[in-house]
Amino acid sequence: MTSLLFARAPYTDRKGRARFTALRFARDLAGSVLDVGCAETELGLYLGGPVVGLDRMGRPGVLCDLERGIPFADRSFDAVVCVGVLEH
């Protein structure tokens, strides 16, 4: 039995990761979504609702240094996604 922790990811690039996330979690991401650490807001290509990208570099919807806080009020989004940032 293969551990899910060490299983090979079903994608090889950011767009693939965004597509996988959108398909896998579609029910949870049905409303407005904040995509933290997205670089380019690729998740917005695959979800039907509004997606706001937030990152400190790249071309997200909002450039922001997270160490200074997030520039949104509490409960501004229905879901928050933070995928692929822990390796940094």
N, C-alpha and C. Protein backbone atom coordinates (compact mmCIF):
# COMPACT_ATOMS: atom_id res chain seq x y z
N MET A 1 0.84 -1.18 0.00
CA MET A 1 0.00 0.00 0.00
C MET A 1 0.89 1.24 0.00
N THR A 2 0.61 2.16 -0.88
CA THR A 2 1.38 3.39 -1.00
C THR A 2 0.83 4.45 -0.07
N SER A 3 1.69 5.11 0.66
CA SER A 3 1.28 6.19 1.53
C SER A 3 0.89 7.39 0.69
N LEU A 4 -0.23 8.03 1.02
CA LEU A 4 -0.65 9.23 0.29
C LEU A 4 0.34 10.36 0.49
N LEU A 5 1.02 10.36 1.63
CA LEU A 5 1.98 11.41 1.90
C LEU A 5 3.12 11.39 0.89
N PHE A 6 3.50 10.20 0.43
CA PHE A 6 4.63 10.07 -0.48
C PHE A 6 4.22 9.68 -1.90
N ALA A 7 2.92 9.68 -2.15
CA ALA A 7 2.44 9.33 -3.49
C ALA A 7 2.85 10.43 -4.49
N ARG A 8 3.07 10.03 -5.73
CA ARG A 8 3.44 10.99 -6.77
C ARG A 8 2.25 11.90 -7.09
N ALA A 9 2.51 13.18 -7.19
CA ALA A 9 1.46 14.14 -7.49
C ALA A 9 0.92 13.92 -8.90
N PRO A 10 -0.38 14.07 -9.10
CA PRO A 10 -0.98 13.86 -10.42
C PRO A 10 -0.86 15.08 -11.34
N TYR A 11 0.15 15.91 -11.12
CA TYR A 11 0.36 17.09 -11.97
C TYR A 11 1.87 17.39 -12.00
N THR A 12 2.29 18.18 -12.96
CA THR A 12 3.71 18.49 -13.10
C THR A 12 4.01 19.99 -13.15
N ASP A 13 2.97 20.82 -13.16
CA ASP A 13 3.19 22.26 -13.22
C ASP A 13 2.07 22.99 -12.46
N ARG A 14 2.16 24.31 -12.38
CA ARG A 14 1.18 25.09 -11.62
C ARG A 14 -0.23 24.98 -12.16
N LYS A 15 -0.37 25.01 -13.47
CA LYS A 15 -1.72 24.89 -14.05
C LYS A 15 -2.30 23.52 -13.75
N GLY A 16 -1.49 22.49 -13.80
CA GLY A 16 -1.95 21.15 -13.46
C GLY A 16 -2.36 21.06 -12.01
N ARG A 17 -1.58 21.69 -11.13
CA ARG A 17 -1.92 21.70 -9.71
C ARG A 17 -3.23 22.44 -9.48
N ALA A 18 -3.43 23.56 -10.17
CA ALA A 18 -4.67 24.33 -10.03
C ALA A 18 -5.86 23.51 -10.53
N ARG A 19 -5.69 22.85 -11.66
CA ARG A 19 -6.77 22.02 -12.21
C ARG A 19 -7.12 20.88 -11.25
N PHE A 20 -6.10 20.20 -10.73
CA PHE A 20 -6.31 19.11 -9.77
C PHE A 20 -7.06 19.63 -8.54
N THR A 21 -6.63 20.75 -8.00
CA THR A 21 -7.26 21.32 -6.81
C THR A 21 -8.72 21.68 -7.09
N ALA A 22 -8.98 22.30 -8.24
CA ALA A 22 -10.35 22.68 -8.60
C ALA A 22 -11.25 21.46 -8.75
N LEU A 23 -10.74 20.43 -9.38
CA LEU A 23 -11.55 19.21 -9.57
C LEU A 23 -11.75 18.46 -8.26
N ARG A 24 -10.70 18.33 -7.49
CA ARG A 24 -10.76 17.56 -6.25
C ARG A 24 -11.63 18.22 -5.19
N PHE A 25 -11.60 19.56 -5.13
CA PHE A 25 -12.30 20.28 -4.08
C PHE A 25 -13.41 21.18 -4.61
N ALA A 26 -13.97 20.86 -5.75
CA ALA A 26 -14.98 21.69 -6.41
C ALA A 26 -16.14 22.03 -5.48
N ARG A 27 -16.62 21.08 -4.74
CA ARG A 27 -17.77 21.32 -3.84
C ARG A 27 -17.41 22.34 -2.76
N ASP A 28 -16.18 22.28 -2.25
CA ASP A 28 -15.76 23.19 -1.19
C ASP A 28 -15.40 24.58 -1.71
N LEU A 29 -15.13 24.68 -3.01
CA LEU A 29 -14.69 25.94 -3.61
C LEU A 29 -15.76 26.55 -4.51
N ALA A 30 -17.02 26.33 -4.16
CA ALA A 30 -18.12 26.79 -5.01
C ALA A 30 -18.38 28.29 -4.92
N GLY A 31 -18.00 28.93 -3.84
CA GLY A 31 -18.23 30.37 -3.68
C GLY A 31 -16.99 31.17 -4.00
N SER A 32 -16.85 32.29 -3.33
CA SER A 32 -15.66 33.14 -3.54
C SER A 32 -14.45 32.51 -2.85
N VAL A 33 -13.30 32.59 -3.51
CA VAL A 33 -12.09 31.90 -3.03
C VAL A 33 -10.92 32.87 -2.98
N LEU A 34 -10.16 32.81 -1.90
CA LEU A 34 -8.89 33.51 -1.79
C LEU A 34 -7.80 32.46 -1.99
N ASP A 35 -6.98 32.65 -3.02
CA ASP A 35 -5.90 31.71 -3.35
C ASP A 35 -4.58 32.33 -2.90
N VAL A 36 -4.10 31.90 -1.73
CA VAL A 36 -2.89 32.46 -1.11
C VAL A 36 -1.66 31.75 -1.64
N GLY A 37 -0.68 32.51 -2.08
CA GLY A 37 0.57 31.95 -2.58
C GLY A 37 0.44 31.39 -3.99
N CYS A 38 -0.40 32.00 -4.80
CA CYS A 38 -0.76 31.44 -6.10
C CYS A 38 0.18 31.82 -7.24
N ALA A 39 0.93 32.90 -7.11
CA ALA A 39 1.81 33.45 -8.15
C ALA A 39 1.02 34.06 -9.31
N GLU A 40 0.13 33.31 -9.93
CA GLU A 40 -0.57 33.82 -11.12
C GLU A 40 -2.09 33.60 -11.11
N THR A 41 -2.66 33.18 -10.02
CA THR A 41 -4.10 32.93 -9.91
C THR A 41 -4.62 31.91 -10.92
N GLU A 42 -3.85 30.84 -11.13
CA GLU A 42 -4.26 29.80 -12.08
C GLU A 42 -5.57 29.12 -11.69
N LEU A 43 -5.85 29.05 -10.40
CA LEU A 43 -7.07 28.39 -9.93
C LEU A 43 -8.32 29.04 -10.53
N GLY A 44 -8.26 30.32 -10.78
CA GLY A 44 -9.39 31.03 -11.38
C GLY A 44 -9.76 30.54 -12.77
N LEU A 45 -8.83 29.88 -13.44
CA LEU A 45 -9.11 29.32 -14.77
C LEU A 45 -10.09 28.15 -14.70
N TYR A 46 -10.18 27.50 -13.54
CA TYR A 46 -10.92 26.25 -13.43
C TYR A 46 -12.15 26.32 -12.51
N LEU A 47 -12.32 27.42 -11.80
CA LEU A 47 -13.48 27.55 -10.91
C LEU A 47 -14.48 28.52 -11.50
N GLY A 48 -15.75 28.30 -11.20
CA GLY A 48 -16.79 29.16 -11.75
C GLY A 48 -17.00 30.45 -10.97
N GLY A 49 -16.71 30.44 -9.67
CA GLY A 49 -16.91 31.61 -8.84
C GLY A 49 -15.71 32.54 -8.86
N PRO A 50 -15.83 33.66 -8.17
CA PRO A 50 -14.71 34.61 -8.13
C PRO A 50 -13.52 34.07 -7.35
N VAL A 51 -12.34 34.26 -7.89
CA VAL A 51 -11.10 33.84 -7.23
C VAL A 51 -10.17 35.05 -7.18
N VAL A 52 -9.69 35.37 -5.98
CA VAL A 52 -8.72 36.45 -5.81
C VAL A 52 -7.40 35.80 -5.45
N GLY A 53 -6.37 36.08 -6.25
CA GLY A 53 -5.04 35.57 -5.97
C GLY A 53 -4.27 36.54 -5.10
N LEU A 54 -3.52 36.01 -4.14
CA LEU A 54 -2.74 36.82 -3.22
C LEU A 54 -1.35 36.22 -3.10
N ASP A 55 -0.33 37.01 -3.41
CA ASP A 55 1.04 36.51 -3.31
C ASP A 55 1.98 37.69 -3.15
N ARG A 56 3.21 37.41 -2.77
CA ARG A 56 4.20 38.48 -2.61
C ARG A 56 5.02 38.70 -3.87
N MET A 57 4.83 37.83 -4.87
CA MET A 57 5.50 38.02 -6.15
C MET A 57 4.66 37.37 -7.25
N GLY A 58 5.10 37.50 -8.47
CA GLY A 58 4.34 36.96 -9.59
C GLY A 58 3.31 37.97 -10.07
N ARG A 59 2.19 37.43 -10.60
CA ARG A 59 1.11 38.30 -11.10
C ARG A 59 -0.23 37.87 -10.51
N PRO A 60 -0.35 37.91 -9.19
CA PRO A 60 -1.64 37.58 -8.59
C PRO A 60 -2.58 38.77 -8.72
N GLY A 61 -3.80 38.63 -8.28
CA GLY A 61 -4.71 39.77 -8.28
C GLY A 61 -4.27 40.83 -7.29
N VAL A 62 -3.68 40.40 -6.16
CA VAL A 62 -3.24 41.32 -5.12
C VAL A 62 -1.82 40.96 -4.69
N LEU A 63 -0.90 41.91 -4.81
CA LEU A 63 0.45 41.72 -4.27
C LEU A 63 0.44 42.10 -2.80
N CYS A 64 1.04 41.26 -1.96
CA CYS A 64 0.95 41.49 -0.53
C CYS A 64 2.06 40.74 0.18
N ASP A 65 2.65 41.36 1.19
CA ASP A 65 3.60 40.69 2.08
C ASP A 65 2.78 40.14 3.25
N LEU A 66 2.63 38.83 3.31
CA LEU A 66 1.77 38.22 4.33
C LEU A 66 2.26 38.45 5.75
N GLU A 67 3.52 38.78 5.91
CA GLU A 67 4.02 39.08 7.25
C GLU A 67 3.40 40.36 7.80
N ARG A 68 2.85 41.17 6.93
CA ARG A 68 2.20 42.43 7.35
C ARG A 68 0.68 42.27 7.45
N GLY A 69 0.16 41.10 7.16
CA GLY A 69 -1.27 40.87 7.26
C GLY A 69 -1.92 40.78 5.89
N ILE A 70 -3.15 40.30 5.88
CA ILE A 70 -3.93 40.15 4.65
C ILE A 70 -4.85 41.35 4.52
N PRO A 71 -4.90 41.98 3.35
CA PRO A 71 -5.69 43.21 3.19
C PRO A 71 -7.18 42.99 2.95
N PHE A 72 -7.76 42.04 3.68
CA PHE A 72 -9.19 41.76 3.54
C PHE A 72 -9.79 41.61 4.94
N ALA A 73 -11.03 42.00 5.08
CA ALA A 73 -11.73 41.83 6.35
C ALA A 73 -12.03 40.36 6.59
N ASP A 74 -12.24 39.99 7.84
CA ASP A 74 -12.66 38.63 8.17
C ASP A 74 -13.94 38.29 7.41
N ARG A 75 -14.06 37.05 7.00
CA ARG A 75 -15.24 36.52 6.31
C ARG A 75 -15.47 37.15 4.93
N SER A 76 -14.40 37.63 4.30
CA SER A 76 -14.52 38.21 2.95
C SER A 76 -14.66 37.14 1.88
N PHE A 77 -14.27 35.89 2.19
CA PHE A 77 -14.29 34.81 1.21
C PHE A 77 -14.97 33.59 1.82
N ASP A 78 -15.54 32.77 0.93
CA ASP A 78 -16.17 31.53 1.38
C ASP A 78 -15.14 30.44 1.66
N ALA A 79 -13.99 30.51 0.98
CA ALA A 79 -12.93 29.51 1.17
C ALA A 79 -11.57 30.15 0.92
N VAL A 80 -10.56 29.59 1.57
CA VAL A 80 -9.18 30.02 1.36
C VAL A 80 -8.37 28.80 0.97
N VAL A 81 -7.58 28.95 -0.10
CA VAL A 81 -6.74 27.87 -0.59
C VAL A 81 -5.28 28.32 -0.46
N CYS A 82 -4.44 27.43 0.03
CA CYS A 82 -3.01 27.70 0.13
C CYS A 82 -2.30 26.40 -0.24
N VAL A 83 -2.01 26.26 -1.53
CA VAL A 83 -1.46 25.00 -2.05
C VAL A 83 -0.07 25.26 -2.63
N GLY A 84 0.87 24.43 -2.27
CA GLY A 84 2.20 24.49 -2.88
C GLY A 84 3.09 25.58 -2.35
N VAL A 85 2.88 26.05 -1.14
CA VAL A 85 3.73 27.11 -0.60
C VAL A 85 4.65 26.65 0.52
N LEU A 86 4.41 25.51 1.08
CA LEU A 86 5.20 25.05 2.23
C LEU A 86 6.66 24.76 1.86
N GLU A 87 6.94 24.44 0.63
CA GLU A 87 8.32 24.17 0.25
C GLU A 87 9.18 25.41 0.20
N HIS A 88 8.56 26.58 0.26
CA HIS A 88 9.33 27.83 0.23
C HIS A 88 9.75 28.19 1.62
